[in-house]
Amino acid sequence: MPARNPGETSLLGAAVSPESASARTLLNCPTCGSAHVAQVLGDNGGVSYVCTACGHSWS
């Protein structure tokens, strides 16, 4: 079996390296405070966010 690079992802799950963990930004819904936030693309190509807990959306 070939050796894997540190931080490489597999089909069974994502590896988290210290570099990728520190690069992530946690978003919380400004309405309910939930961390269940999805990033979506708008009609004009802009980036928006939607809370999957309460449905609030913002950009």
C-alpha atoms as a PDB file:
ATOM      1  CA  MET A   1       0.000   0.000   0.000  1.00  0.00           C
ATOM      2  CA  PRO A   2       1.423   3.426  -0.879  1.00  0.00           C
ATOM      3  CA  ALA A   3       2.297   5.783   1.949  1.00  0.00           C
ATOM      4  CA  ARG A   4      -0.079   8.680   2.566  1.00  0.00           C
ATOM      5  CA  ASN A   5       0.865  12.290   2.992  1.00  0.00           C
ATOM      6  CA  PRO A   6       0.005  13.929   6.332  1.00  0.00           C
ATOM      7  CA  GLY A   7      -3.345  15.680   6.082  1.00  0.00           C
ATOM      8  CA  GLU A   8      -4.468  13.657   3.055  1.00  0.00           C
ATOM      9  CA  THR A   9      -8.145  12.820   2.975  1.00  0.00           C
ATOM     10  CA  SER A  10      -9.604   9.436   2.177  1.00  0.00           C
ATOM     11  CA  LEU A  11     -13.014   8.275   1.020  1.00  0.00           C
ATOM     12  CA  LEU A  12     -13.744   7.013   4.527  1.00  0.00           C
ATOM     13  CA  GLY A  13     -13.253  10.314   6.299  1.00  0.00           C
ATOM     14  CA  ALA A  14     -11.377  13.576   6.352  1.00  0.00           C
ATOM     15  CA  ALA A  15      -8.062  13.930   8.109  1.00  0.00           C
ATOM     16  CA  VAL A  16      -7.537  17.035  10.187  1.00  0.00           C
ATOM     17  CA  SER A  17      -4.045  18.406  10.400  1.00  0.00           C
ATOM     18  CA  PRO A  18      -3.043  21.306  12.650  1.00  0.00           C
ATOM     19  CA  GLU A  19      -2.732  23.514   9.571  1.00  0.00           C
ATOM     20  CA  SER A  20      -6.261  22.818   8.335  1.00  0.00           C
ATOM     21  CA  ALA A  21      -7.756  23.066  11.810  1.00  0.00           C
ATOM     22  CA  SER A  22      -6.315  26.528  12.382  1.00  0.00           C
ATOM     23  CA  ALA A  23      -7.355  27.706   8.914  1.00  0.00           C
ATOM     24  CA  ARG A  24     -11.029  26.968   9.569  1.00  0.00           C
ATOM     25  CA  THR A  25     -13.306  29.717  10.755  1.00  0.00           C
ATOM     26  CA  LEU A  26     -16.309  28.794  12.820  1.00  0.00           C
ATOM     27  CA  LEU A  27     -19.460  30.683  11.911  1.00  0.00           C
ATOM     28  CA  ASN A  28     -22.364  31.127  14.265  1.00  0.00           C
ATOM     29  CA  CYS A  29     -25.818  32.323  13.252  1.00  0.00           C
ATOM     30  CA  PRO A  30     -26.279  35.954  14.305  1.00  0.00           C
ATOM     31  CA  THR A  31     -29.954  35.242  15.079  1.00  0.00           C
ATOM     32  CA  CYS A  32     -29.941  32.040  17.139  1.00  0.00           C
ATOM     33  CA  GLY A  33     -26.197  31.485  17.768  1.00  0.00           C
ATOM     34  CA  SER A  34     -26.202  27.992  16.264  1.00  0.00           C
ATOM     35  CA  ALA A  35     -23.002  26.670  14.664  1.00  0.00           C
ATOM     36  CA  HIS A  36     -25.078  24.775  12.070  1.00  0.00           C
ATOM     37  CA  VAL A  37     -24.264  27.133   9.211  1.00  0.00           C
ATOM     38  CA  ALA A  38     -23.996  26.268   5.518  1.00  0.00           C
ATOM     39  CA  GLN A  39     -22.181  28.322   2.899  1.00  0.00           C
ATOM     40  CA  VAL A  40     -24.224  28.803  -0.293  1.00  0.00           C
ATOM     41  CA  LEU A  41     -23.659  30.534  -3.616  1.00  0.00           C
ATOM     42  CA  GLY A  42     -26.032  33.331  -4.538  1.00  0.00           C
ATOM     43  CA  ASP A  43     -27.618  33.993  -7.926  1.00  0.00           C
ATOM     44  CA  ASN A  44     -24.969  36.565  -8.843  1.00  0.00           C
ATOM     45  CA  GLY A  45     -22.053  34.379  -7.727  1.00  0.00           C
ATOM     46  CA  GLY A  46     -21.701  35.934  -4.281  1.00  0.00           C
ATOM     47  CA  VAL A  47     -21.312  33.868  -1.128  1.00  0.00           C
ATOM     48  CA  SER A  48     -24.061  33.759   1.469  1.00  0.00           C
ATOM     49  CA  TYR A  49     -24.660  31.753   4.612  1.00  0.00           C
ATOM     50  CA  VAL A  50     -27.788  30.037   5.906  1.00  0.00           C
ATOM     51  CA  CYS A  51     -28.453  28.646   9.359  1.00  0.00           C
ATOM     52  CA  THR A  52     -29.802  25.117   9.097  1.00  0.00           C
ATOM     53  CA  ALA A  53     -31.247  25.375  12.603  1.00  0.00           C
ATOM     54  CA  CYS A  54     -33.482  28.466  12.239  1.00  0.00           C
ATOM     55  CA  GLY A  55     -33.366  29.287   8.502  1.00  0.00           C
ATOM     56  CA  HIS A  56     -31.831  32.756   8.845  1.00  0.00           C
ATOM     57  CA  SER A  57     -29.660  33.750   5.869  1.00  0.00           C
ATOM     58  CA  TRP A  58     -27.062  36.482   5.497  1.00  0.00           C
ATOM     59  CA  SER A  59     -24.083  37.462   3.387  1.00  0.00           C
END
